[in-house]
Structures are given as C-alpha cells and as structure tokens.
C-alpha cells in the first residue's frame, strides 16, 4: 500500500493549494471566463475537484465511471465547502484501493493502463488545471498567490 500512500501524499500537496487558491477569490469571480469558450472559474474548480474522484471511481470499478456533482455554485463559501467535501471523499476512496485494483488494467479515453498509472495521470490532470486557475487569478488582479505545491 506504499504506492497509494505516496500518490495520495503527492496529490494532497497539490490539492491543499487548490483550497488556498479559493481563499483569493470572491463571489463575483465565480462566473469569470478569460475568453468566451473557456470554463468559468467555478466550472474549472468543479472540474478539478471532481476529476480525481472520477479517476478513483474508475480504478475502483474497473471501468469508466462518470463524475457526479453539482454543475452550478452560487457563492465562494459554497464552492469551498464542496471542494472540502470532495477532497475528503476522494482521499478516502484513494486510500481504500487495493493493490489488485491499482494493478488491474482499466480503459480510459481509448487507452489501457494499470489503475495506478491512471491515477498518476489524474494527478497530472489536476496540476494542469490548477495552473490554469493560477492564470485566472492573475487575470483577475490577485497579487498574492500560494506556492504551486504545499510545503507543509
């Protein structure tokens, strides 16, 4: 189980920063889009927060399991609470995965890979989108941002 513990630890160092980033936004920022076809700020956060749980469910079930969760958030407080809940749920799901589930081949987006490889890809996916969220923050005029990975 050392492999999943290492993955969860690395993922949490990044997820903690998502929580810190949310502290830099206000309610009026939730609908911000840097261009017309972009995800809104709240949509991007929902995508980030729900994706790793989807990856964990896919590994657990052995097949693609679509994400669930709300599509609209009204306040930054509501968004923070949801991200906190999803983080705790996802962490529990990841920690419950067995070595067999981590080694089992799963198909995702036309590719076949061991579950652990899919989860590593999920972590990379989250890091990619978190980088976009940093850009949104800068475009909104946020001057003080957290470091890209938690040091605690």
N, C-alpha and C. Protein backbone atom coordinates (compact mmCIF):
# COMPACT_ATOMS: atom_id res chain seq x y z
N UNK A 1 0.82 -1.20 0.00
CA UNK A 1 0.00 0.00 0.00
C UNK A 1 0.86 1.26 0.00
N UNK A 2 2.17 1.09 0.02
CA UNK A 2 3.06 2.26 -0.01
C UNK A 2 2.86 3.07 -1.28
N UNK A 3 2.54 2.39 -2.39
CA UNK A 3 2.37 3.11 -3.67
C UNK A 3 1.19 4.07 -3.60
N UNK A 4 0.08 3.62 -3.05
CA UNK A 4 -1.09 4.51 -2.99
C UNK A 4 -0.86 5.61 -1.95
N UNK A 5 -0.18 5.29 -0.87
CA UNK A 5 0.10 6.32 0.14
C UNK A 5 0.98 7.42 -0.44
N UNK A 6 1.95 7.04 -1.26
CA UNK A 6 2.83 8.02 -1.92
C UNK A 6 2.02 8.88 -2.90
N UNK A 7 1.14 8.25 -3.66
CA UNK A 7 0.31 9.00 -4.59
C UNK A 7 -0.60 9.98 -3.85
N UNK A 8 -1.26 9.51 -2.80
CA UNK A 8 -2.17 10.36 -2.03
C UNK A 8 -1.41 11.52 -1.41
N UNK A 9 -0.25 11.26 -0.87
CA UNK A 9 0.56 12.31 -0.26
C UNK A 9 0.92 13.39 -1.29
N UNK A 10 1.38 12.97 -2.46
CA UNK A 10 1.72 13.92 -3.52
C UNK A 10 0.51 14.68 -4.02
N UNK A 11 -0.60 13.98 -4.19
CA UNK A 11 -1.83 14.63 -4.64
C UNK A 11 -2.31 15.66 -3.61
N UNK A 12 -2.24 15.32 -2.33
CA UNK A 12 -2.70 16.24 -1.29
C UNK A 12 -1.83 17.49 -1.21
N UNK A 13 -0.53 17.36 -1.52
CA UNK A 13 0.32 18.56 -1.53
C UNK A 13 -0.16 19.55 -2.58
N UNK A 14 -0.74 19.05 -3.65
CA UNK A 14 -1.30 19.92 -4.69
C UNK A 14 -2.73 20.34 -4.33
N UNK A 15 -3.53 19.42 -3.83
CA UNK A 15 -4.93 19.74 -3.52
C UNK A 15 -5.02 20.82 -2.44
N UNK A 16 -4.10 20.80 -1.46
CA UNK A 16 -4.10 21.83 -0.42
C UNK A 16 -3.98 23.22 -1.04
N UNK A 17 -3.23 23.34 -2.11
CA UNK A 17 -3.05 24.63 -2.77
C UNK A 17 -4.35 25.06 -3.45
N UNK A 18 -5.13 24.11 -3.96
CA UNK A 18 -6.43 24.48 -4.51
C UNK A 18 -7.28 25.16 -3.44
N UNK A 19 -7.27 24.61 -2.24
CA UNK A 19 -8.01 25.21 -1.13
C UNK A 19 -7.48 26.62 -0.85
N UNK A 20 -6.16 26.79 -0.86
CA UNK A 20 -5.57 28.10 -0.62
C UNK A 20 -5.93 29.09 -1.73
N UNK A 21 -5.93 28.61 -2.97
CA UNK A 21 -6.30 29.47 -4.10
C UNK A 21 -7.73 29.99 -3.96
N UNK A 22 -8.62 29.13 -3.48
CA UNK A 22 -10.01 29.55 -3.32
C UNK A 22 -10.15 30.72 -2.36
N UNK A 23 -9.21 30.84 -1.42
CA UNK A 23 -9.24 31.95 -0.49
C UNK A 23 -8.95 33.29 -1.17
N UNK A 24 -8.42 33.26 -2.39
CA UNK A 24 -8.08 34.51 -3.09
C UNK A 24 -9.24 35.04 -3.93
N UNK A 25 -10.33 34.26 -4.05
CA UNK A 25 -11.45 34.64 -4.90
C UNK A 25 -12.64 35.14 -4.10
N UNK A 26 -13.49 35.89 -4.78
CA UNK A 26 -14.72 36.40 -4.19
C UNK A 26 -15.90 35.95 -5.04
N UNK A 27 -17.11 36.12 -4.51
CA UNK A 27 -18.32 35.66 -5.21
C UNK A 27 -18.39 36.16 -6.65
N UNK A 28 -18.04 37.42 -6.88
CA UNK A 28 -18.16 37.97 -8.23
C UNK A 28 -17.18 37.35 -9.22
N UNK A 29 -16.20 36.62 -8.75
CA UNK A 29 -15.23 35.97 -9.63
C UNK A 29 -15.73 34.64 -10.19
N UNK A 30 -16.74 34.06 -9.58
CA UNK A 30 -17.16 32.70 -9.94
C UNK A 30 -17.52 32.53 -11.41
N UNK A 31 -18.09 33.54 -12.04
CA UNK A 31 -18.50 33.42 -13.44
C UNK A 31 -17.43 33.90 -14.42
N UNK A 32 -16.27 34.32 -13.91
CA UNK A 32 -15.21 34.85 -14.77
C UNK A 32 -14.74 33.80 -15.78
N UNK A 33 -14.60 34.24 -17.04
CA UNK A 33 -14.02 33.43 -18.12
C UNK A 33 -13.00 34.30 -18.85
N UNK A 34 -11.78 33.80 -19.05
CA UNK A 34 -10.79 34.61 -19.76
C UNK A 34 -11.11 34.77 -21.26
N UNK A 35 -11.92 33.90 -21.79
CA UNK A 35 -12.41 34.03 -23.16
C UNK A 35 -13.75 33.34 -23.24
N UNK A 36 -14.50 33.61 -24.28
CA UNK A 36 -15.90 33.19 -24.38
C UNK A 36 -16.11 31.69 -24.17
N UNK A 37 -15.28 30.86 -24.76
CA UNK A 37 -15.48 29.41 -24.71
C UNK A 37 -14.79 28.73 -23.52
N UNK A 38 -14.14 29.49 -22.69
CA UNK A 38 -13.43 28.93 -21.53
C UNK A 38 -14.42 28.46 -20.48
N UNK A 39 -13.95 27.61 -19.61
CA UNK A 39 -14.73 27.25 -18.42
C UNK A 39 -14.74 28.48 -17.51
N UNK A 40 -15.87 28.68 -16.83
CA UNK A 40 -15.90 29.73 -15.81
C UNK A 40 -14.97 29.33 -14.67
N UNK A 41 -14.62 30.27 -13.84
CA UNK A 41 -13.77 29.98 -12.70
C UNK A 41 -14.40 28.88 -11.84
N UNK A 42 -15.69 29.02 -11.53
CA UNK A 42 -16.34 27.98 -10.71
C UNK A 42 -16.39 26.65 -11.46
N UNK A 43 -16.63 26.69 -12.77
CA UNK A 43 -16.66 25.46 -13.56
C UNK A 43 -15.32 24.77 -13.57
N UNK A 44 -14.24 25.55 -13.66
CA UNK A 44 -12.89 24.98 -13.64
C UNK A 44 -12.61 24.34 -12.29
N UNK A 45 -12.98 25.02 -11.21
CA UNK A 45 -12.77 24.46 -9.87
C UNK A 45 -13.58 23.17 -9.71
N UNK A 46 -14.83 23.16 -10.16
CA UNK A 46 -15.64 21.94 -10.07
C UNK A 46 -15.02 20.81 -10.88
N UNK A 47 -14.48 21.15 -12.04
CA UNK A 47 -13.82 20.14 -12.88
C UNK A 47 -12.60 19.57 -12.16
N UNK A 48 -11.79 20.44 -11.61
CA UNK A 48 -10.59 20.00 -10.88
C UNK A 48 -11.00 19.11 -9.70
N UNK A 49 -11.93 19.59 -8.91
CA UNK A 49 -12.29 18.91 -7.67
C UNK A 49 -12.96 17.56 -7.91
N UNK A 50 -13.75 17.46 -8.96
CA UNK A 50 -14.46 16.21 -9.23
C UNK A 50 -13.69 15.18 -10.03
N UNK A 51 -12.67 15.62 -10.76
CA UNK A 51 -11.98 14.70 -11.67
C UNK A 51 -11.23 13.59 -10.94
N UNK A 52 -10.49 13.93 -9.88
CA UNK A 52 -9.72 12.88 -9.21
C UNK A 52 -10.63 11.83 -8.59
N UNK A 53 -11.79 12.26 -8.11
CA UNK A 53 -12.75 11.28 -7.59
C UNK A 53 -13.23 10.38 -8.71
N UNK A 54 -13.45 10.94 -9.90
CA UNK A 54 -13.84 10.14 -11.06
C UNK A 54 -12.75 9.12 -11.42
N UNK A 55 -11.49 9.56 -11.38
CA UNK A 55 -10.39 8.63 -11.65
C UNK A 55 -10.35 7.52 -10.60
N UNK A 56 -10.53 7.87 -9.34
CA UNK A 56 -10.53 6.86 -8.27
C UNK A 56 -11.69 5.88 -8.45
N UNK A 57 -12.87 6.40 -8.78
CA UNK A 57 -14.03 5.52 -9.01
C UNK A 57 -13.80 4.60 -10.21
N UNK A 58 -13.15 5.12 -11.23
CA UNK A 58 -12.86 4.31 -12.42
C UNK A 58 -11.92 3.17 -12.07
N UNK A 59 -10.90 3.43 -11.28
CA UNK A 59 -9.97 2.38 -10.86
C UNK A 59 -10.70 1.39 -9.96
N UNK A 60 -11.49 1.88 -9.04
CA UNK A 60 -12.22 1.01 -8.12
C UNK A 60 -13.19 0.08 -8.87
N UNK A 61 -13.92 0.65 -9.83
CA UNK A 61 -14.94 -0.13 -10.56
C UNK A 61 -14.39 -0.90 -11.75
N UNK A 62 -13.16 -0.59 -12.17
CA UNK A 62 -12.55 -1.28 -13.29
C UNK A 62 -13.04 -0.79 -14.64
N UNK A 63 -13.86 0.24 -14.65
CA UNK A 63 -14.34 0.82 -15.91
C UNK A 63 -14.69 2.28 -15.68
N UNK A 64 -14.75 3.03 -16.77
CA UNK A 64 -15.02 4.46 -16.68
C UNK A 64 -16.28 4.70 -15.87
N UNK A 65 -16.16 5.57 -14.89
CA UNK A 65 -17.27 5.96 -14.03
C UNK A 65 -17.38 7.48 -14.12
N UNK A 66 -18.44 7.98 -14.76
CA UNK A 66 -18.55 9.43 -14.95
C UNK A 66 -18.60 10.19 -13.63
N UNK A 67 -18.09 11.43 -13.66
CA UNK A 67 -18.12 12.24 -12.43
C UNK A 67 -19.55 12.63 -12.07
N UNK A 68 -19.74 12.88 -10.80
CA UNK A 68 -21.02 13.36 -10.33
C UNK A 68 -20.78 14.64 -9.55
N UNK A 69 -21.81 15.37 -9.31
CA UNK A 69 -21.66 16.58 -8.51
C UNK A 69 -22.42 17.72 -9.14
N UNK A 70 -22.50 18.82 -8.42
CA UNK A 70 -23.28 19.96 -8.91
C UNK A 70 -22.60 20.63 -10.10
N UNK A 71 -23.39 21.28 -10.93
CA UNK A 71 -22.84 21.99 -12.07
C UNK A 71 -22.86 23.50 -11.85
N UNK A 72 -23.53 23.96 -10.81
CA UNK A 72 -23.63 25.39 -10.55
C UNK A 72 -23.46 25.67 -9.06
N UNK A 73 -22.65 26.67 -8.80
CA UNK A 73 -22.37 27.11 -7.44
C UNK A 73 -22.69 28.59 -7.38
N UNK A 74 -23.27 29.03 -6.28
CA UNK A 74 -23.68 30.43 -6.15
C UNK A 74 -22.69 31.32 -5.41
N UNK A 75 -21.95 30.76 -4.44
CA UNK A 75 -21.05 31.58 -3.63
C UNK A 75 -19.70 30.89 -3.46
N UNK A 76 -18.68 31.69 -3.16
CA UNK A 76 -17.36 31.13 -2.92
C UNK A 76 -17.37 30.24 -1.68
N UNK A 77 -18.18 30.59 -0.69
CA UNK A 77 -18.30 29.74 0.51
C UNK A 77 -18.85 28.37 0.16
N UNK A 78 -19.85 28.35 -0.69
CA UNK A 78 -20.43 27.08 -1.14
C UNK A 78 -19.39 26.26 -1.92
N UNK A 79 -18.61 26.94 -2.76
CA UNK A 79 -17.58 26.25 -3.54
C UNK A 79 -16.51 25.68 -2.62
N UNK A 80 -16.06 26.46 -1.64
CA UNK A 80 -15.05 25.98 -0.70
C UNK A 80 -15.54 24.75 0.07
N UNK A 81 -16.79 24.79 0.51
CA UNK A 81 -17.36 23.66 1.27
C UNK A 81 -17.42 22.41 0.39
N UNK A 82 -17.83 22.58 -0.85
CA UNK A 82 -17.91 21.45 -1.76
C UNK A 82 -16.53 20.86 -2.02
N UNK A 83 -15.54 21.71 -2.27
CA UNK A 83 -14.18 21.21 -2.52
C UNK A 83 -13.65 20.48 -1.30
N UNK A 84 -13.93 20.99 -0.12
CA UNK A 84 -13.50 20.32 1.12
C UNK A 84 -14.13 18.92 1.21
N UNK A 85 -15.43 18.85 0.96
CA UNK A 85 -16.13 17.55 1.00
C UNK A 85 -15.58 16.60 -0.05
N UNK A 86 -15.42 17.08 -1.28
CA UNK A 86 -14.91 16.21 -2.34
C UNK A 86 -13.49 15.76 -2.06
N UNK A 87 -12.68 16.64 -1.50
CA UNK A 87 -11.31 16.26 -1.16
C UNK A 87 -11.30 15.12 -0.15
N UNK A 88 -12.10 15.23 0.89
CA UNK A 88 -12.16 14.18 1.91
C UNK A 88 -12.68 12.87 1.33
N UNK A 89 -13.72 12.94 0.51
CA UNK A 89 -14.28 11.73 -0.11
C UNK A 89 -13.26 11.07 -1.03
N UNK A 90 -12.59 11.88 -1.84
CA UNK A 90 -11.62 11.34 -2.79
C UNK A 90 -10.44 10.72 -2.06
N UNK A 91 -9.96 11.39 -1.03
CA UNK A 91 -8.83 10.84 -0.26
C UNK A 91 -9.21 9.48 0.32
N UNK A 92 -10.40 9.37 0.87
CA UNK A 92 -10.86 8.08 1.42
C UNK A 92 -10.96 7.01 0.34
N UNK A 93 -11.49 7.38 -0.81
CA UNK A 93 -11.60 6.42 -1.91
C UNK A 93 -10.22 5.96 -2.37
N UNK A 94 -9.30 6.89 -2.52
CA UNK A 94 -7.96 6.52 -2.94
C UNK A 94 -7.31 5.58 -1.93
N UNK A 95 -7.44 5.90 -0.65
CA UNK A 95 -6.81 5.08 0.39
C UNK A 95 -7.45 3.70 0.51
N UNK A 96 -8.65 3.54 0.00
CA UNK A 96 -9.33 2.24 0.09
C UNK A 96 -9.00 1.31 -1.08
N UNK A 97 -8.30 1.82 -2.09
CA UNK A 97 -7.98 0.99 -3.25
C UNK A 97 -7.00 -0.11 -2.87
N UNK A 98 -7.20 -1.29 -3.43
CA UNK A 98 -6.34 -2.43 -3.15
C UNK A 98 -5.20 -2.50 -4.16
N UNK A 99 -4.19 -3.26 -3.83
CA UNK A 99 -3.07 -3.48 -4.76
C UNK A 99 -3.58 -4.09 -6.07
N UNK A 100 -4.55 -5.00 -5.98
CA UNK A 100 -5.12 -5.60 -7.18
C UNK A 100 -5.80 -4.56 -8.06
N UNK A 101 -6.54 -3.64 -7.45
CA UNK A 101 -7.19 -2.58 -8.22
C UNK A 101 -6.16 -1.65 -8.86
N UNK A 102 -5.09 -1.36 -8.14
CA UNK A 102 -4.04 -0.50 -8.67
C UNK A 102 -3.31 -1.15 -9.84
N UNK A 103 -3.21 -2.46 -9.82
CA UNK A 103 -2.50 -3.19 -10.88
C UNK A 103 -3.40 -3.55 -12.05
N UNK A 104 -4.71 -3.61 -11.84
CA UNK A 104 -5.65 -4.01 -12.89
C UNK A 104 -5.63 -3.01 -14.04
N UNK A 105 -5.76 -3.53 -15.24
CA UNK A 105 -5.80 -2.69 -16.44
C UNK A 105 -7.20 -2.10 -16.57
N UNK A 106 -7.24 -0.78 -16.75
CA UNK A 106 -8.51 -0.08 -16.98
C UNK A 106 -8.40 0.66 -18.30
N UNK A 107 -9.54 0.81 -18.95
CA UNK A 107 -9.58 1.57 -20.19
C UNK A 107 -10.14 2.95 -19.90
N UNK A 108 -9.44 3.95 -20.42
CA UNK A 108 -9.88 5.33 -20.22
C UNK A 108 -9.48 6.14 -21.44
N UNK A 109 -10.44 6.80 -22.04
CA UNK A 109 -10.20 7.67 -23.20
C UNK A 109 -9.46 6.94 -24.32
N UNK A 110 -9.84 5.69 -24.54
CA UNK A 110 -9.24 4.91 -25.62
C UNK A 110 -7.89 4.30 -25.29
N UNK A 111 -7.41 4.48 -24.08
CA UNK A 111 -6.12 3.92 -23.67
C UNK A 111 -6.34 2.87 -22.59
N UNK A 112 -5.45 1.91 -22.54
CA UNK A 112 -5.48 0.90 -21.49
C UNK A 112 -4.22 1.04 -20.66
N UNK A 113 -4.41 1.03 -19.33
CA UNK A 113 -3.28 1.22 -18.43
C UNK A 113 -3.61 0.66 -17.06
N UNK A 114 -2.58 0.37 -16.25
CA UNK A 114 -2.85 -0.05 -14.88
C UNK A 114 -3.52 1.09 -14.10
N UNK A 115 -4.32 0.74 -13.12
CA UNK A 115 -5.03 1.73 -12.33
C UNK A 115 -4.13 2.79 -11.73
N UNK A 116 -2.96 2.39 -11.23
CA UNK A 116 -2.05 3.36 -10.63
C UNK A 116 -1.57 4.38 -11.66
N UNK A 117 -1.35 3.94 -12.88
CA UNK A 117 -0.93 4.86 -13.94
C UNK A 117 -2.05 5.85 -14.25
N UNK A 118 -3.29 5.38 -14.26
CA UNK A 118 -4.42 6.28 -14.48
C UNK A 118 -4.49 7.32 -13.35
N UNK A 119 -4.27 6.90 -12.13
CA UNK A 119 -4.31 7.83 -11.00
C UNK A 119 -3.18 8.87 -11.08
N UNK A 120 -2.01 8.45 -11.51
CA UNK A 120 -0.91 9.40 -11.71
C UNK A 120 -1.28 10.41 -12.79
N UNK A 121 -1.92 9.91 -13.85
CA UNK A 121 -2.39 10.80 -14.91
C UNK A 121 -3.45 11.76 -14.37
N UNK A 122 -4.30 11.26 -13.47
CA UNK A 122 -5.31 12.11 -12.84
C UNK A 122 -4.67 13.22 -12.01
N UNK A 123 -3.60 12.88 -11.32
CA UNK A 123 -2.88 13.90 -10.54
C UNK A 123 -2.29 14.95 -11.48
N UNK A 124 -1.70 14.50 -12.59
CA UNK A 124 -1.16 15.44 -13.58
C UNK A 124 -2.26 16.32 -14.16
N UNK A 125 -3.42 15.74 -14.40
CA UNK A 125 -4.58 16.48 -14.92
C UNK A 125 -4.95 17.61 -13.95
N UNK A 126 -4.97 17.29 -12.66
CA UNK A 126 -5.31 18.29 -11.66
C UNK A 126 -4.27 19.40 -11.61
N UNK A 127 -3.01 19.05 -11.69
CA UNK A 127 -1.93 20.03 -11.66
C UNK A 127 -2.05 20.97 -12.87
N UNK A 128 -2.33 20.40 -14.03
CA UNK A 128 -2.50 21.20 -15.25
C UNK A 128 -3.60 22.24 -15.07
N UNK A 129 -4.76 21.80 -14.60
CA UNK A 129 -5.89 22.73 -14.44
C UNK A 129 -5.67 23.70 -13.29
N UNK A 130 -4.95 23.28 -12.27
CA UNK A 130 -4.63 24.20 -11.18
C UNK A 130 -3.76 25.33 -11.71
N UNK A 131 -2.86 25.02 -12.64
CA UNK A 131 -2.05 26.06 -13.29
C UNK A 131 -2.93 27.06 -14.02
N UNK A 132 -3.96 26.56 -14.68
CA UNK A 132 -4.89 27.46 -15.35
C UNK A 132 -5.58 28.37 -14.34
N UNK A 133 -5.92 27.81 -13.19
CA UNK A 133 -6.59 28.59 -12.16
C UNK A 133 -5.67 29.70 -11.63
N UNK A 134 -4.37 29.43 -11.54
CA UNK A 134 -3.42 30.48 -11.18
C UNK A 134 -3.47 31.61 -12.20
N UNK A 135 -3.58 31.26 -13.47
CA UNK A 135 -3.67 32.27 -14.53
C UNK A 135 -4.96 33.08 -14.38
N UNK A 136 -6.08 32.41 -14.12
CA UNK A 136 -7.33 33.13 -13.88
C UNK A 136 -7.14 34.15 -12.75
N UNK A 137 -6.49 33.71 -11.68
CA UNK A 137 -6.30 34.59 -10.52
C UNK A 137 -5.49 35.83 -10.92
N UNK A 138 -4.44 35.64 -11.66
CA UNK A 138 -3.62 36.77 -12.10
C UNK A 138 -4.43 37.72 -12.99
N UNK A 139 -5.21 37.15 -13.91
CA UNK A 139 -6.03 37.97 -14.80
C UNK A 139 -7.09 38.75 -14.03
N UNK A 140 -7.50 38.23 -12.90
CA UNK A 140 -8.47 38.92 -12.04
C UNK A 140 -7.79 39.95 -11.12
N UNK A 141 -6.48 40.03 -11.18
CA UNK A 141 -5.76 41.02 -10.39
C UNK A 141 -5.28 40.54 -9.03
N UNK A 142 -5.37 39.24 -8.78
CA UNK A 142 -4.88 38.71 -7.50
C UNK A 142 -3.36 38.80 -7.50
N UNK A 143 -2.82 39.48 -6.52
CA UNK A 143 -1.37 39.70 -6.47
C UNK A 143 -0.64 38.70 -5.59
N UNK A 144 -1.27 38.26 -4.52
CA UNK A 144 -0.62 37.34 -3.59
C UNK A 144 -1.21 35.95 -3.76
N UNK A 145 -0.38 35.05 -4.27
CA UNK A 145 -0.83 33.68 -4.54
C UNK A 145 0.00 32.69 -3.73
N UNK A 146 -0.58 31.53 -3.42
CA UNK A 146 0.20 30.49 -2.73
C UNK A 146 1.24 29.89 -3.67
N UNK A 147 2.23 29.23 -3.08
CA UNK A 147 3.19 28.47 -3.87
C UNK A 147 2.45 27.34 -4.57
N UNK A 148 2.93 26.86 -5.71
CA UNK A 148 2.20 25.89 -6.51
C UNK A 148 2.01 24.53 -5.85
N UNK A 149 2.81 24.23 -4.83
CA UNK A 149 2.66 22.98 -4.09
C UNK A 149 2.85 23.30 -2.61
N UNK A 150 2.04 22.63 -1.78
CA UNK A 150 2.10 22.89 -0.35
C UNK A 150 3.43 22.42 0.22
N UNK A 151 3.99 23.23 1.05
CA UNK A 151 5.27 22.90 1.70
C UNK A 151 5.06 22.34 3.09
N UNK A 152 3.79 22.23 3.52
CA UNK A 152 3.54 21.72 4.87
C UNK A 152 3.07 20.29 4.84
